[in-house]
Amino acid sequence: MHADNAQDRIKDCTEAFFSEMSKYADKRDLDTPQTAVYTPTTFRREDPEEIVTQPSKLVRTDNPVKQFFFDETAEWLASSNAGFDFPPALDPEQTDDIAGYYRKRLFEFAQLTLDYTGQFGFSESDFYAAYRDHIKPKYQAKHTHRVVVPLPGLSLHGTANLRQEKLSLPNQIDIDSVGRNRCELPSEVEISRLTDWELAGVQTYGSPHVTSDLSTLRRKLRWYYKLMIDIEIEDLPAAHEERRPGIDRSWTSLLAKQIGIRIAKQLVTVLRLFEPRNYVGIGPAYVTERSWLTHRNLCMDISGYFSSSDSQETPIVKLERYQLDRENYDELNSFWRKLATACDPKADTELSSAIRRFNQTFKSKSYEDKIVDSYIGFEKTLANNEGVSSFRLRAKRVRAILVQILPSERTR
């Protein structure tokens, strides 16, 4: 395997880089740089912020320790065809350009390895862990990404230990191939508690910005439960195409985030239709990746996030919390199987327009706008069912429908 063949060479140049960085810091009597991360806390009074070492912060553009340690290995990867895939914009015949690309990637990897170790002393075990997490995937044509989407306002009830409560639903979404990439969902859609480990990762990632106070974060954003889904993306090049193995994980990560948000919209729409009086929202889609924070057992690593126009990242309106009891799980599962396909935001059915209007009523807007959206959405449903383009509804009939959607104090 190409990744195994390259391992020893990459290890040698990374170790040389460590040695030079150590000499650079010792000569100038520099302390190991530090950074603040958020870690899971056992008690509310504990400070979730922890100061930890992050040696890579010493590597700057004006630092004399440059990328020349990786020249020989980069040129070998480029000339021997032992390297991983490179951007299509690069000409395969221009080995100098390809070597330059590999040099940058190896330099980035060496900096990550510094953070795996937490010091300037080289550690083989930390190197192998970093290599497994960041270099081997570059040679793989198939990546599996775990996407986590907070569901503001939602809570599950059914056991004394709410932290262990979860609900699984079968996949009810058709994912078309994107270009030459095949997408699959190897696991079910899971609703479970958003753990302190995951929230600490969100806080450490820091975008979109969230408060450092864990209890405040939960109370204001109402991030108690999440949707979690694994998304598998495989590169399928043409049979006649000659290229190096692997696909850029950052690109498949972006695609996974978009699919995750799509499934979250589908799920939230079903939940809203199942119990329209209560509020459940959609947070940003976070992709979790194993990196130095996870390796050092600090918090969950996040490689990026994706927000749609429906994502809620600020305190929500004061609507009744969406509580789902275990005794209703089977009923919801049946409801999901019947309506999930129609609630797919990419679906093009007779109900699609009405469902979009229905979801609009849950956004932060005036109640007058909510009434208009509800009216148009319901009218559209009747028009589709009767095969006509428009209906005029009497006020009494409109009120009967709106009372199922708007808070009771607003339907007088």
Foldseek 3Di string as FASTA:
>chain_A
DLLVVLLVVLVVLLQVLLVVLVCVCVVVVHDFDKDWFAFFDDDLPDQRIDIAGQNLVVDDPPDPSDLPSCQVSLLCCLVVLSAFFDDPVDDSVPSVVSSVVVSVLSVVLSSLLCLLVRHSHDDPVSSVVSSVFRVVQSQAQKDKWKKKKFKALEAEDEDPPRQADKAWAADDDDDDADDQKDKDFPGTKMKGFCDSQNVSQCCRVQVVHDDSRPVCRCVFRVRTIIIITMMMMGGDDDPPDDTGGHDDPVVVVVVVQVVVVLLVQLVLLLLCVVQQQADIFIAKMWIWGDGSCVSVPGGTHTPDTGDDPRHDDGGADDGHRHYHYPVCSVVSNVSCVVCSHVSRQPDDDLLNQLSVLLSVLRDPDDVVSNLVSNVVSVQSVVCSVVVHDGDDDDPVVSLVSVCSHYHVVPSD
